C-alpha atoms as a PDB file:
ATOM      1  CA  MET A   1     -22.516  -6.132  27.849  1.00  0.00           C
ATOM      2  CA  LYS A   2     -22.156  -3.594  25.546  1.00  0.00           C
ATOM      3  CA  ALA A   3     -18.528  -2.960  26.550  1.00  0.00           C
ATOM      4  CA  ALA A   4     -18.064  -6.900  25.590  1.00  0.00           C
ATOM      5  CA  LYS A   5     -19.308  -6.835  22.572  1.00  0.00           C
ATOM      6  CA  SER A   6     -17.715  -3.376  21.771  1.00  0.00           C
ATOM      7  CA  THR A   7     -14.776  -5.273  22.607  1.00  0.00           C
ATOM      8  CA  TRP A   8     -15.126  -8.209  20.345  1.00  0.00           C
ATOM      9  CA  THR A   9     -15.622  -6.008  17.074  1.00  0.00           C
ATOM     10  CA  GLY A  10     -12.276  -4.384  17.854  1.00  0.00           C
ATOM     11  CA  LEU A  11     -11.035  -8.097  18.101  1.00  0.00           C
ATOM     12  CA  VAL A  12     -12.703  -9.636  14.820  1.00  0.00           C
ATOM     13  CA  ALA A  13     -11.118  -6.037  13.567  1.00  0.00           C
ATOM     14  CA  VAL A  14      -7.618  -5.854  13.993  1.00  0.00           C
ATOM     15  CA  ASN A  15      -8.030  -9.961  13.043  1.00  0.00           C
ATOM     16  CA  LEU A  16      -9.330  -9.429   9.720  1.00  0.00           C
ATOM     17  CA  LYS A  17      -6.983  -5.988   8.869  1.00  0.00           C
ATOM     18  CA  LYS A  18      -3.811  -8.293   9.915  1.00  0.00           C
ATOM     19  CA  LEU A  19      -5.516 -11.235   7.356  1.00  0.00           C
ATOM     20  CA  LEU A  20      -5.997  -8.947   4.547  1.00  0.00           C
ATOM     21  CA  VAL A  21      -1.990  -7.205   5.701  1.00  0.00           C
ATOM     22  CA  TRP A  22      -0.779 -11.208   5.648  1.00  0.00           C
ATOM     23  CA  ALA A  23      -3.240 -11.949   2.393  1.00  0.00           C
ATOM     24  CA  GLY A  24      -1.660  -8.585   0.422  1.00  0.00           C
ATOM     25  CA  VAL A  25       1.887  -9.805   1.560  1.00  0.00           C
ATOM     26  CA  ALA A  26       1.319 -13.663  -0.359  1.00  0.00           C
ATOM     27  CA  LEU A  27      -0.023 -11.784  -3.314  1.00  0.00           C
ATOM     28  CA  VAL A  28       2.818  -9.405  -3.130  1.00  0.00           C
ATOM     29  CA  LEU A  29       5.669 -12.465  -3.419  1.00  0.00           C
ATOM     30  CA  PHE A  30       3.362 -14.395  -5.352  1.00  0.00           C
ATOM     31  CA  PHE A  31       3.400 -11.568  -8.696  1.00  0.00           C
ATOM     32  CA  LEU A  32       8.007 -11.384  -7.669  1.00  0.00           C
ATOM     33  CA  VAL A  33       8.448 -15.300  -7.521  1.00  0.00           C
ATOM     34  CA  SER A  34       5.989 -15.599 -10.632  1.00  0.00           C
ATOM     35  CA  ALA A  35       6.348 -12.322 -13.203  1.00  0.00           C
ATOM     36  CA  PRO A  36       9.631 -10.745 -11.749  1.00  0.00           C
ATOM     37  CA  THR A  37      10.119  -8.913 -15.135  1.00  0.00           C
ATOM     38  CA  GLN A  38       6.440  -7.832 -15.046  1.00  0.00           C
ATOM     39  CA  ALA A  39       6.591  -6.601 -11.337  1.00  0.00           C
ATOM     40  CA  ALA A  40      10.240  -5.129 -11.790  1.00  0.00           C
ATOM     41  CA  GLY A  41       8.681  -2.801 -14.539  1.00  0.00           C
ATOM     42  CA  LEU A  42       5.533  -2.041 -12.577  1.00  0.00           C
ATOM     43  CA  VAL A  43       7.601  -0.645  -9.658  1.00  0.00           C
ATOM     44  CA  HIS A  44       9.565   0.926 -12.345  1.00  0.00           C
ATOM     45  CA  ASN A  45       6.362   2.800 -13.819  1.00  0.00           C
ATOM     46  CA  VAL A  46       5.057   3.474 -10.234  1.00  0.00           C
ATOM     47  CA  LEU A  47       8.430   4.931  -8.691  1.00  0.00           C
ATOM     48  CA  GLY A  48       8.452   7.309 -12.669  1.00  0.00           C
ATOM     49  CA  THR A  49       5.126   8.370 -11.360  1.00  0.00           C
ATOM     50  CA  LEU A  50       6.024   9.554  -7.799  1.00  0.00           C
ATOM     51  CA  ARG A  51       9.092  11.344  -9.380  1.00  0.00           C
ATOM     52  CA  GLY A  52       6.467  12.879 -11.601  1.00  0.00           C
ATOM     53  CA  GLY A  53       4.649  14.129  -9.002  1.00  0.00           C
ATOM     54  CA  ALA A  54       7.218  14.969  -7.021  1.00  0.00           C
ATOM     55  CA  GLU A  55       9.057  17.436  -9.619  1.00  0.00           C
ATOM     56  CA  ALA A  56       5.572  18.519 -10.040  1.00  0.00           C
ATOM     57  CA  LEU A  57       5.124  19.572  -6.249  1.00  0.00           C
ATOM     58  CA  ILE A  58       9.032  21.353  -6.412  1.00  0.00           C
ATOM     59  CA  SER A  59       7.835  22.942  -9.317  1.00  0.00           C
ATOM     60  CA  PHE A  60       4.774  24.576  -7.639  1.00  0.00           C
ATOM     61  CA  VAL A  61       6.122  24.975  -4.567  1.00  0.00           C
ATOM     62  CA  GLN A  62       9.337  27.108  -6.535  1.00  0.00           C
ATOM     63  CA  ASN A  63       7.075  29.190  -8.494  1.00  0.00           C
ATOM     64  CA  LEU A  64       5.076  30.247  -5.352  1.00  0.00           C
ATOM     65  CA  PHE A  65       8.392  31.891  -4.141  1.00  0.00           C
END
């Protein structure tokens, strides 16, 4: 019986994960459709932050050698 319960728990976890992923995708699509300008600004800011982090990491590695 323990194995069956474990399988059931795993199945619920997988279904919950799928549900959360689909809910996240739906939320992003809703945000893109309802506020495209703000969504573009958000993407621009996130990419700028990632670029700054990558440049800092590159500078750090270059200073090591």
